Amino acid sequence: MNYKKALKHPVFEVISKSAEELELDAYVIGGFVRDYILERGEHKDIDIVAVGSGIQLAKKVARNLPNNPKVQIFKTYGTAMLPFDDIDIEFVGARKESYTENSRNPVVENGSFEDDQNRRDFTINAMALSLSPENFGQLLDPFGGMQDLRSKIIRTPLDPDITYSDDPLRMMRAIRFATQLGFSIEQASLKAITKNKHRIKIISKERIVVELHKILETKKPSTGFLLLEQTGLLDYILPELMALKGIDEVEGQTHKDNFYHTLEVVDNIAKTTDNLWLRWAALLHDIGKAPTKKFSKKVGWTFHAHEFEGAKMVYHLFKRLKMPLNDKMKFVQKMVFMSSRPIVLAQDIVTDSAVRRLVFDAGDYVEDLMTLCEADITTKNPKKFNKYHNNFKIVRQKIEEVEARDHVRNFQPPISGEEIMKTFNLKPSREIGKIKESIKEAILEGDIPNDYEAAYQLMLKEGEKLGLKKA
């Protein structure tokens, strides 16, 4: 089978010519080939395998290209990267690999092209196109990757037990590809992943998080998280999620399975936003429910302050997984902490003061918070579902009205601490904080408008109450 059409970009002719000049065989392999056959759009990363020195070929290609782009060489890995025309082209020499038990980094030696295909993670990633002039574009598919693409199967070229044990990151990659492509993992592979799940402990947290991000960025992330749970990998990676699994029953009273509910919420939010960190918030919004779960005869099952507990857990989870402890983590914390607020509003008569407080506390993230809360509606009762969504429309409308009138998003008090000090001839003291707090509360409650004159008059009144005299 010939795929010359896949190689229409002029860079492939240059690579072919350069390889011929060096008397090397060269092939395009992996994701580029797979995604072309699947018609998944243009692939911006191209992997080239040379039977010989990949670095030497990269340098030759750079010399033969217009403007002689600069080659990045990674001697440790024996690879070279060549950026050209918005494409990253990686060159490597054909090699064979052997592994030790405590590392996913293999011992590498030069090998044949067959050796190189053998070391690939999945059959669908082992397919290659020849760049030799005599069979340019010819498909080399020794493991039936094409058939697996048709059957939508993730399968390893060699024994899956060895493949996953050698490089346990491939277990995460198998699940990620299955989720991205809507494929199934063949049974032998699923068994091998389950058997080797403990091996994930030798993989760096950063590598694991890259795969988690890619799963979360798919159209239906639950597919990946269900596979992680089914194979036992989730116990090692996100035990906080696993703790939500299961339904307890006391005196005939049960609660919903918060694990499956969480996955529904993540799928719901994936339909409405590409914001990765909002998807993380959806995944973690209920993690505080496991440690706060209690049963009492009076009210049944409760999860008091689970949002507060969950927000604290977000920090520890991010730290453990070596994720950024910056504004991204704080955003997820805020979303988890506030995740029930709009739901409570949607159940009651929506007061202006409650909406003002919501907008004040959420700031620029009020829209994200509403998106999260709408995704959190997973009831199968059509009446309840419609009622909640209609109530959320009312809340959104109120937010617009209140914000247009009162401007409390990113609230800055009309009266500064400096002005209070100047007015009453004060040095820094507790009284200043008390007056500022009174002004803020009066604005949020709607007792005074959010303007300078009203705030100034209230400042004078509050100062008088505290026994302060205008200077």
Protein backbone atom coordinates (compact mmCIF):
# COMPACT_ATOMS: atom_id res chain seq x y z
CA MET A 1 0.00 0.00 0.00
CA ASN A 2 1.42 3.38 -0.98
CA TYR A 3 0.79 6.68 0.79
CA LYS A 4 2.72 9.13 -1.39
CA LYS A 5 -0.07 11.65 -0.84
CA ALA A 6 0.78 11.76 2.88
CA LEU A 7 4.28 12.95 1.96
CA LYS A 8 3.24 15.90 -0.21
CA HIS A 9 5.04 18.44 2.02
CA PRO A 10 8.33 19.39 0.26
CA VAL A 11 10.37 18.62 3.39
CA PHE A 12 9.91 14.87 2.78
CA GLU A 13 11.61 15.10 -0.63
CA VAL A 14 14.51 16.94 1.04
CA ILE A 15 14.81 14.23 3.73
CA SER A 16 14.65 11.52 1.05
CA LYS A 17 17.37 13.21 -1.04
CA SER A 18 19.55 13.83 2.06
CA ALA A 19 19.25 10.18 3.15
CA GLU A 20 20.19 9.05 -0.36
CA GLU A 21 23.26 11.31 -0.33
CA LEU A 22 24.34 9.73 2.97
CA GLU A 23 23.46 6.24 1.65
CA LEU A 24 20.98 5.73 4.51
CA ASP A 25 17.47 4.34 4.57
CA ALA A 26 14.98 6.69 6.25
CA TYR A 27 11.34 6.31 7.31
CA VAL A 28 8.51 8.42 8.72
CA ILE A 29 7.06 6.55 11.69
CA GLY A 30 4.50 6.86 14.46
CA GLY A 31 1.89 9.55 15.06
CA PHE A 32 2.20 11.27 11.68
CA VAL A 33 1.39 8.04 9.83
CA ARG A 34 -1.36 7.01 12.26
CA ASP A 35 -3.11 10.39 12.17
CA TYR A 36 -2.89 10.69 8.38
CA ILE A 37 -4.65 7.34 7.96
CA LEU A 38 -7.23 8.33 10.60
CA GLU A 39 -7.70 11.71 8.84
CA ARG A 40 -7.14 13.54 12.13
CA GLY A 41 -5.84 16.73 10.52
CA GLU A 42 -2.28 17.92 9.99
CA HIS A 43 0.32 16.53 12.36
CA LYS A 44 2.88 19.10 13.48
CA ASP A 45 5.35 16.54 14.91
CA ILE A 46 7.16 14.24 12.50
CA ASP A 47 9.37 11.35 13.65
CA ILE A 48 12.07 10.20 11.22
CA VAL A 49 14.04 6.99 11.76
CA ALA A 50 17.35 6.59 9.92
CA VAL A 51 19.12 3.26 9.66
CA GLY A 52 22.37 4.89 10.75
CA SER A 53 22.94 8.26 12.44
CA GLY A 54 19.78 10.30 12.93
CA ILE A 55 21.88 13.30 14.00
CA GLN A 56 23.97 13.13 10.82
CA LEU A 57 20.81 12.98 8.71
CA ALA A 58 19.28 15.97 10.55
CA LYS A 59 22.40 18.06 9.86
CA LYS A 60 22.35 17.08 6.18
CA VAL A 61 18.64 17.93 5.86
CA ALA A 62 19.25 21.35 7.49
CA ARG A 63 21.99 22.09 4.94
CA ASN A 64 19.67 21.11 2.07
CA LEU A 65 16.75 23.22 3.31
CA PRO A 66 16.31 26.91 2.47
CA ASN A 67 17.65 29.25 5.19
CA ASN A 68 19.55 26.33 6.80
CA PRO A 69 17.46 26.00 9.98
CA LYS A 70 19.34 25.27 13.20
CA VAL A 71 19.46 21.68 14.42
CA GLN A 72 19.00 20.97 18.13
CA ILE A 73 21.08 17.95 19.13
CA PHE A 74 20.37 15.77 22.18
CA LYS A 75 23.51 13.64 22.42
CA THR A 76 22.32 11.73 25.50
CA TYR A 77 19.36 10.36 23.56
CA GLY A 78 21.03 10.24 20.16
CA THR A 79 18.28 12.40 18.69
CA ALA A 80 18.07 15.71 16.84
CA MET A 81 15.22 18.19 16.41
CA LEU A 82 14.77 20.34 13.33
CA PRO A 83 12.06 23.04 13.34
CA PHE A 84 10.87 23.87 9.83
CA ASP A 85 7.74 25.53 8.46
CA ASP A 86 5.80 25.24 11.79
CA ILE A 87 6.71 21.54 11.97
CA ASP A 88 8.99 19.89 14.54
CA ILE A 89 10.92 17.08 12.86
CA GLU A 90 12.69 14.65 15.19
CA PHE A 91 15.47 12.43 13.84
CA VAL A 92 16.71 9.27 15.52
CA GLY A 93 18.86 6.37 14.45
CA ALA A 94 17.22 2.91 14.32
CA ARG A 95 17.89 1.19 17.62
CA LYS A 96 17.04 -1.68 19.89
CA GLU A 97 16.41 -1.30 23.58
CA SER A 98 16.77 -3.33 26.76
CA TYR A 99 15.42 -2.36 30.19
CA THR A 100 16.36 -2.73 33.84
CA GLU A 101 13.69 -3.29 36.48
CA ASN A 102 13.93 0.09 38.25
CA SER A 103 13.96 2.45 35.29
CA ARG A 104 11.93 3.17 32.17
CA ASN A 105 15.08 4.56 30.53
CA PRO A 106 16.40 1.76 28.32
CA VAL A 107 19.91 0.70 27.47
CA VAL A 108 20.10 1.63 23.79
CA GLU A 109 22.22 0.22 20.99
CA ASN A 110 22.16 0.59 17.21
CA GLY A 111 19.76 -1.75 15.48
CA SER A 112 17.93 -2.53 12.28
CA PHE A 113 14.71 -0.84 11.21
CA GLU A 114 12.86 -4.01 12.32
CA ASP A 115 14.43 -3.62 15.80
CA ASP A 116 13.15 -0.07 15.87
CA GLN A 117 9.60 -1.07 14.99
CA ASN A 118 9.73 -3.80 17.64
CA ARG A 119 10.44 -1.24 20.37
CA ARG A 120 7.35 0.86 19.55
CA ASP A 121 4.57 1.03 22.13
CA PHE A 122 1.53 0.13 20.00
CA THR A 123 0.92 -1.45 16.59
CA ILE A 124 -0.82 1.73 15.41
CA ASN A 125 2.34 3.71 16.27
CA ALA A 126 4.74 1.21 14.64
CA MET A 127 3.51 1.85 11.09
CA ALA A 128 6.04 3.62 8.86
CA LEU A 129 6.30 5.12 5.39
CA SER A 130 9.48 4.64 3.39
CA LEU A 131 11.39 7.71 2.20
CA SER A 132 13.64 5.74 -0.18
CA PRO A 133 13.31 6.90 -3.83
CA GLU A 134 12.56 3.36 -5.09
CA ASN A 135 9.52 2.85 -2.81
CA PHE A 136 8.72 6.40 -1.61
CA GLY A 137 5.50 6.37 0.46
CA GLN A 138 5.34 2.57 0.82
CA LEU A 139 3.62 1.48 4.08
CA LEU A 140 5.60 -0.86 6.36
CA ASP A 141 3.19 -2.46 8.82
CA PRO A 142 4.67 -5.69 10.24
CA PHE A 143 2.27 -5.90 13.25
CA GLY A 144 -1.09 -5.27 11.59
CA GLY A 145 -1.46 -1.68 12.77
CA MET A 146 -3.72 -0.89 9.82
CA GLN A 147 -6.12 -3.66 10.81
CA ASP A 148 -6.04 -2.41 14.43
CA LEU A 149 -6.92 1.08 13.21
CA ARG A 150 -9.92 -0.38 11.35
CA SER A 151 -10.93 -2.46 14.38
CA LYS A 152 -10.26 0.47 16.75
CA ILE A 153 -7.94 -1.58 18.94
CA ILE A 154 -4.95 -0.59 21.08
CA ARG A 155 -2.47 -3.48 20.99
CA THR A 156 1.27 -3.83 21.63
CA PRO A 157 3.60 -5.15 18.88
CA LEU A 158 5.23 -7.65 21.27
CA ASP A 159 4.17 -9.39 24.51
CA PRO A 160 2.13 -6.75 26.43
CA ASP A 161 3.39 -8.03 29.78
CA ILE A 162 6.98 -7.20 28.76
CA THR A 163 6.00 -3.97 26.96
CA TYR A 164 4.21 -2.51 30.02
CA SER A 165 6.66 -3.81 32.58
CA ASP A 166 9.64 -2.40 30.63
CA ASP A 167 8.14 1.08 30.30
CA PRO A 168 5.14 1.50 32.63
CA LEU A 169 4.33 4.93 31.18
CA ARG A 170 2.95 2.95 28.21
CA MET A 171 0.07 1.86 30.47
CA MET A 172 -1.00 5.49 30.79
CA ARG A 173 -0.40 6.07 27.07
CA ALA A 174 -2.57 3.06 26.14
CA ILE A 175 -5.43 4.49 28.20
CA ARG A 176 -4.85 7.99 26.84
CA PHE A 177 -4.89 6.81 23.20
CA ALA A 178 -8.01 4.72 23.84
CA THR A 179 -9.71 7.85 25.25
CA GLN A 180 -8.49 10.22 22.53
CA LEU A 181 -9.31 7.93 19.61
CA GLY A 182 -12.40 6.18 20.99
CA PHE A 183 -10.59 2.80 20.73
CA SER A 184 -10.70 -0.30 22.95
CA ILE A 185 -7.67 -1.79 24.66
CA GLU A 186 -7.38 -5.47 23.76
CA GLN A 187 -7.98 -7.92 26.62
CA ALA A 188 -4.38 -9.20 26.85
CA SER A 189 -3.19 -5.61 27.24
CA LEU A 190 -5.80 -4.79 29.89
CA LYS A 191 -4.73 -7.86 31.88
CA ALA A 192 -1.06 -6.91 31.51
CA ILE A 193 -1.74 -3.33 32.67
CA THR A 194 -3.66 -4.62 35.70
CA LYS A 195 -0.83 -7.05 36.49
CA ASN A 196 1.87 -4.36 36.17
CA LYS A 197 -0.04 -1.46 37.74
CA HIS A 198 2.42 -1.22 40.68
CA ARG A 199 5.20 -0.47 38.16
CA ILE A 200 3.69 3.02 37.66
CA LYS A 201 5.56 3.96 40.86
CA ILE A 202 8.85 4.21 38.92
CA ILE A 203 7.40 6.84 36.55
CA SER A 204 7.98 10.51 37.39
CA LYS A 205 4.94 12.48 38.55
CA GLU A 206 5.52 15.02 35.77
CA ARG A 207 5.18 12.31 33.07
CA ILE A 208 2.01 10.95 34.68
CA VAL A 209 0.48 14.44 34.83
CA VAL A 210 1.16 15.01 31.10
CA GLU A 211 -0.95 11.91 30.35
CA LEU A 212 -3.65 12.95 32.84
CA HIS A 213 -3.87 16.35 31.13
CA LYS A 214 -4.27 14.66 27.74
CA ILE A 215 -7.05 12.42 29.09
CA LEU A 216 -8.81 15.42 30.65
CA GLU A 217 -8.56 17.33 27.35
CA THR A 218 -10.49 14.64 25.41
CA LYS A 219 -14.16 14.83 24.42
CA LYS A 220 -15.14 12.16 26.96
CA PRO A 221 -12.57 12.02 29.81
CA SER A 222 -14.62 9.47 31.79
CA THR A 223 -13.47 6.75 29.35
CA GLY A 224 -9.88 7.22 30.53
CA PHE A 225 -10.69 7.51 34.24
CA LEU A 226 -12.87 4.39 34.13
CA LEU A 227 -9.96 2.49 32.51
CA LEU A 228 -7.55 3.86 35.13
CA GLU A 229 -9.95 2.66 37.83
CA GLN A 230 -10.61 -0.71 36.15
CA THR A 231 -6.87 -1.50 35.86
CA GLY A 232 -6.07 -0.33 39.41
CA LEU A 233 -3.82 2.53 38.25
CA LEU A 234 -6.08 5.17 39.78
CA ASP A 235 -5.31 3.84 43.29
CA TYR A 236 -1.69 4.86 42.76
CA ILE A 237 -2.31 8.13 40.91
CA LEU A 238 -5.44 9.73 42.41
CA PRO A 239 -6.46 7.85 45.58
CA GLU A 240 -8.64 10.86 46.50
CA LEU A 241 -10.93 9.96 43.59
CA MET A 242 -10.99 6.27 44.44
CA ALA A 243 -12.07 7.16 47.99
CA LEU A 244 -15.34 8.49 46.50
CA LYS A 245 -16.24 5.11 45.02
CA GLY A 246 -19.01 2.99 46.49
CA ILE A 247 -22.36 3.48 48.21
CA ASP A 248 -22.82 3.07 51.95
CA GLU A 249 -26.14 2.06 53.47
CA VAL A 250 -27.24 2.61 57.07
CA GLU A 251 -30.79 1.87 58.20
CA GLY A 252 -31.94 1.69 54.60
CA GLN A 253 -30.53 5.11 53.72
CA THR A 254 -27.96 5.41 50.95
CA HIS A 255 -26.11 8.22 49.13
CA LYS A 256 -25.09 8.48 45.48
CA ASP A 257 -21.78 7.03 44.28
CA ASN A 258 -19.70 10.21 44.16
CA PHE A 259 -17.02 8.62 41.95
CA TYR A 260 -19.38 7.94 39.04
CA HIS A 261 -21.14 11.26 39.66
CA THR A 262 -17.75 13.03 39.36
CA LEU A 263 -17.04 11.39 36.01
CA GLU A 264 -20.45 12.51 34.73
CA VAL A 265 -19.64 16.08 35.81
CA VAL A 266 -16.27 15.95 33.99
CA ASP A 267 -17.95 14.69 30.80
CA ASN A 268 -20.60 17.42 31.12
CA ILE A 269 -18.02 20.19 31.48
CA ALA A 270 -15.95 18.77 28.59
CA LYS A 271 -18.92 19.62 26.32
CA THR A 272 -18.86 23.29 27.29
CA THR A 273 -15.23 24.33 27.93
CA ASP A 274 -11.68 23.57 26.81
CA ASN A 275 -10.27 25.16 29.98
CA LEU A 276 -8.02 22.39 31.36
CA TRP A 277 -7.99 23.80 34.89
CA LEU A 278 -11.79 24.09 34.99
CA ARG A 279 -11.89 20.42 33.95
CA TRP A 280 -9.51 19.69 36.86
CA ALA A 281 -11.91 21.55 39.15
CA ALA A 282 -14.77 19.33 37.89
CA LEU A 283 -12.66 16.23 38.57
CA LEU A 284 -11.81 17.33 42.11
CA HIS A 285 -14.97 19.24 43.10
CA ASP A 286 -16.24 16.47 45.42
CA ILE A 287 -12.97 15.01 46.81
CA GLY A 288 -13.77 16.50 50.22
CA LYS A 289 -16.85 14.26 50.48
CA ALA A 290 -14.94 11.11 51.44
CA PRO A 291 -13.32 12.54 54.62
CA THR A 292 -16.47 14.49 55.66
CA LYS A 293 -19.05 11.74 55.13
CA LYS A 294 -21.22 11.15 58.24
CA PHE A 295 -24.54 9.50 59.03
CA SER A 296 -27.09 10.64 61.61
CA LYS A 297 -30.58 9.27 62.22
CA LYS A 298 -32.06 12.77 62.03
CA VAL A 299 -30.78 13.88 58.63
CA GLY A 300 -29.21 10.76 57.08
CA TRP A 301 -25.95 11.15 55.12
CA THR A 302 -24.15 14.49 55.27
CA PHE A 303 -20.93 15.92 53.85
CA HIS A 304 -20.64 19.11 55.92
CA ALA A 305 -17.91 21.54 54.79
CA HIS A 306 -16.75 19.14 52.08
CA GLU A 307 -15.94 22.13 49.83
CA PHE A 308 -13.61 23.59 52.46
CA GLU A 309 -11.96 20.20 53.03
CA GLY A 310 -11.73 19.60 49.26
CA ALA A 311 -10.03 22.96 48.64
CA LYS A 312 -7.35 22.04 51.23
CA MET A 313 -6.91 18.63 49.59
CA VAL A 314 -6.36 20.27 46.18
CA TYR A 315 -3.12 21.85 47.46
CA HIS A 316 -1.78 18.52 48.80
CA LEU A 317 -2.79 16.68 45.62
CA PHE A 318 -1.09 19.25 43.36
CA LYS A 319 2.03 19.15 45.54
CA ARG A 320 2.20 15.35 45.48
CA LEU A 321 1.83 15.24 41.70
CA LYS A 322 4.38 18.08 41.27
CA MET A 323 1.77 20.22 39.54
CA PRO A 324 2.06 24.03 39.57
CA LEU A 325 1.33 25.56 42.99
CA ASN A 326 0.59 28.93 41.39
CA ASP A 327 -2.51 30.75 40.19
CA LYS A 328 -3.70 27.59 38.36
CA MET A 329 -3.83 25.64 41.64
CA LYS A 330 -5.50 28.61 43.39
CA PHE A 331 -8.11 28.75 40.62
CA VAL A 332 -8.93 25.03 41.09
CA GLN A 333 -9.05 25.56 44.87
CA LYS A 334 -11.44 28.50 44.49
CA MET A 335 -13.72 26.55 42.15
CA VAL A 336 -13.80 23.55 44.53
CA PHE A 337 -14.38 25.80 47.57
CA MET A 338 -17.25 27.67 45.90
CA SER A 339 -18.69 24.74 43.93
CA SER A 340 -21.95 24.56 45.93
CA ARG A 341 -22.68 28.28 46.19
CA PRO A 342 -24.64 28.77 42.93
CA ILE A 343 -26.48 25.48 43.52
CA VAL A 344 -27.75 26.80 46.86
CA LEU A 345 -28.78 30.05 45.15
CA ALA A 346 -30.61 28.12 42.42
CA GLN A 347 -32.70 26.31 45.02
CA ASP A 348 -33.89 29.44 46.83
CA ILE A 349 -35.42 32.78 45.97
CA VAL A 350 -32.42 34.62 44.58
CA THR A 351 -31.73 37.78 46.58
CA ASP A 352 -29.62 40.63 45.23
CA SER A 353 -27.33 40.52 48.28
CA ALA A 354 -26.64 36.78 47.82
CA VAL A 355 -25.78 37.39 44.15
CA ARG A 356 -23.58 40.37 45.07
CA ARG A 357 -21.65 38.17 47.51
CA LEU A 358 -21.26 35.42 44.91
CA VAL A 359 -19.87 37.89 42.35
CA PHE A 360 -17.66 39.53 45.00
CA ASP A 361 -16.18 36.18 46.12
CA ALA A 362 -15.80 34.66 42.63
CA GLY A 363 -14.50 37.83 40.96
CA ASP A 364 -13.46 37.23 37.34
CA TYR A 365 -14.20 33.51 37.73
CA VAL A 366 -17.95 33.80 38.28
CA GLU A 367 -18.66 32.58 34.73
CA ASP A 368 -16.36 29.55 35.24
CA LEU A 369 -18.10 28.80 38.53
CA MET A 370 -21.53 28.86 36.88
CA THR A 371 -20.24 26.55 34.12
CA LEU A 372 -18.97 24.11 36.77
CA CYS A 373 -22.25 24.18 38.70
CA GLU A 374 -24.35 23.57 35.59
CA ALA A 375 -22.13 20.57 34.78
CA ASP A 376 -22.78 19.33 38.33
CA ILE A 377 -26.45 18.69 37.53
CA THR A 378 -26.49 14.94 36.85
CA THR A 379 -30.00 14.08 38.01
CA LYS A 380 -31.86 11.66 35.73
CA ASN A 381 -35.20 13.16 36.76
CA PRO A 382 -36.24 15.40 33.79
CA LYS A 383 -38.39 17.67 36.00
CA LYS A 384 -35.56 18.30 38.46
CA PHE A 385 -33.02 18.68 35.64
CA ASN A 386 -35.11 21.36 33.89
CA LYS A 387 -35.92 23.10 37.17
CA TYR A 388 -32.23 23.43 38.11
CA HIS A 389 -31.25 24.67 34.65
CA ASN A 390 -34.08 27.21 34.60
CA ASN A 391 -33.08 28.43 38.06
CA PHE A 392 -29.47 28.81 36.90
CA LYS A 393 -30.71 30.99 34.03
CA ILE A 394 -32.37 33.23 36.65
CA VAL A 395 -29.12 33.32 38.67
CA ARG A 396 -27.12 34.26 35.55
CA GLN A 397 -29.61 37.02 34.74
CA LYS A 398 -29.38 38.33 38.31
CA ILE A 399 -25.57 38.32 38.09
CA GLU A 400 -25.73 40.50 34.96
CA GLU A 401 -28.23 42.91 36.55
CA VAL A 402 -26.39 43.22 39.87
CA GLU A 403 -22.98 43.56 38.18
CA ALA A 404 -24.25 46.28 35.81
CA ARG A 405 -25.73 48.21 38.72
CA ASP A 406 -23.35 47.61 41.63
CA HIS A 407 -19.94 46.80 40.03
CA VAL A 408 -18.82 44.40 42.78
CA ARG A 409 -16.65 42.15 40.61
CA ASN A 410 -13.02 42.72 41.69
CA PHE A 411 -14.49 45.07 44.30
CA GLN A 412 -12.30 47.96 45.44
CA PRO A 413 -13.78 49.92 48.39
CA PRO A 414 -14.71 53.51 47.45
CA ILE A 415 -12.91 54.68 50.62
CA SER A 416 -9.29 53.68 51.13
CA GLY A 417 -7.54 52.99 54.43
CA GLU A 418 -5.39 56.08 53.85
CA GLU A 419 -8.49 58.29 53.61
CA ILE A 420 -9.91 56.85 56.85
CA MET A 421 -6.58 57.57 58.61
CA LYS A 422 -6.51 61.12 57.22
CA THR A 423 -10.18 61.82 58.08
CA PHE A 424 -9.83 60.79 61.73
CA ASN A 425 -6.13 61.57 62.12
CA LEU A 426 -5.37 57.89 62.89
CA LYS A 427 -2.24 55.79 62.78
CA PRO A 428 -2.55 52.19 61.46
CA SER A 429 -5.02 50.52 63.82
CA ARG A 430 -7.86 48.04 64.17
CA GLU A 431 -10.47 50.79 63.77
CA ILE A 432 -9.50 51.29 60.11
CA GLY A 433 -10.20 47.61 59.31
CA LYS A 434 -13.53 47.78 61.15
CA ILE A 435 -14.70 50.83 59.18
CA LYS A 436 -13.58 49.32 55.85
CA GLU A 437 -15.40 46.05 56.68
CA SER A 438 -18.61 47.96 57.59
CA ILE A 439 -18.52 49.81 54.24
CA LYS A 440 -17.94 46.57 52.30
CA GLU A 441 -20.77 44.75 54.12
CA ALA A 442 -23.18 47.67 53.60
CA ILE A 443 -22.47 47.66 49.84
CA LEU A 444 -22.81 43.86 49.53
CA GLU A 445 -26.05 43.89 51.53
CA GLY A 446 -27.39 46.70 49.35
CA ASP A 447 -27.76 49.11 52.30
CA ILE A 448 -25.75 51.73 50.41
CA PRO A 449 -24.82 52.05 46.72
CA ASN A 450 -21.25 51.30 45.63
CA ASP A 451 -20.22 54.96 45.33
CA TYR A 452 -17.90 57.39 47.09
CA GLU A 453 -20.41 59.77 48.65
CA ALA A 454 -22.53 57.05 50.29
CA ALA A 455 -19.39 55.28 51.55
CA TYR A 456 -17.98 58.58 52.90
CA GLN A 457 -21.13 59.29 54.92
CA LEU A 458 -21.12 55.74 56.33
CA MET A 459 -17.44 56.13 57.25
CA LEU A 460 -18.30 59.21 59.34
CA LYS A 461 -21.15 57.33 61.08
CA GLU A 462 -19.00 54.27 61.81
CA GLY A 463 -16.18 56.50 63.09
CA GLU A 464 -18.60 58.20 65.43
CA LYS A 465 -19.72 54.80 66.80
CA LEU A 466 -16.08 54.01 67.56
CA GLY A 467 -15.64 57.34 69.35
CA LEU A 468 -13.53 58.89 66.59
CA LYS A 469 -13.65 62.57 65.71
CA LYS A 470 -13.18 64.08 62.28
CA ALA A 471 -9.83 65.83 62.06
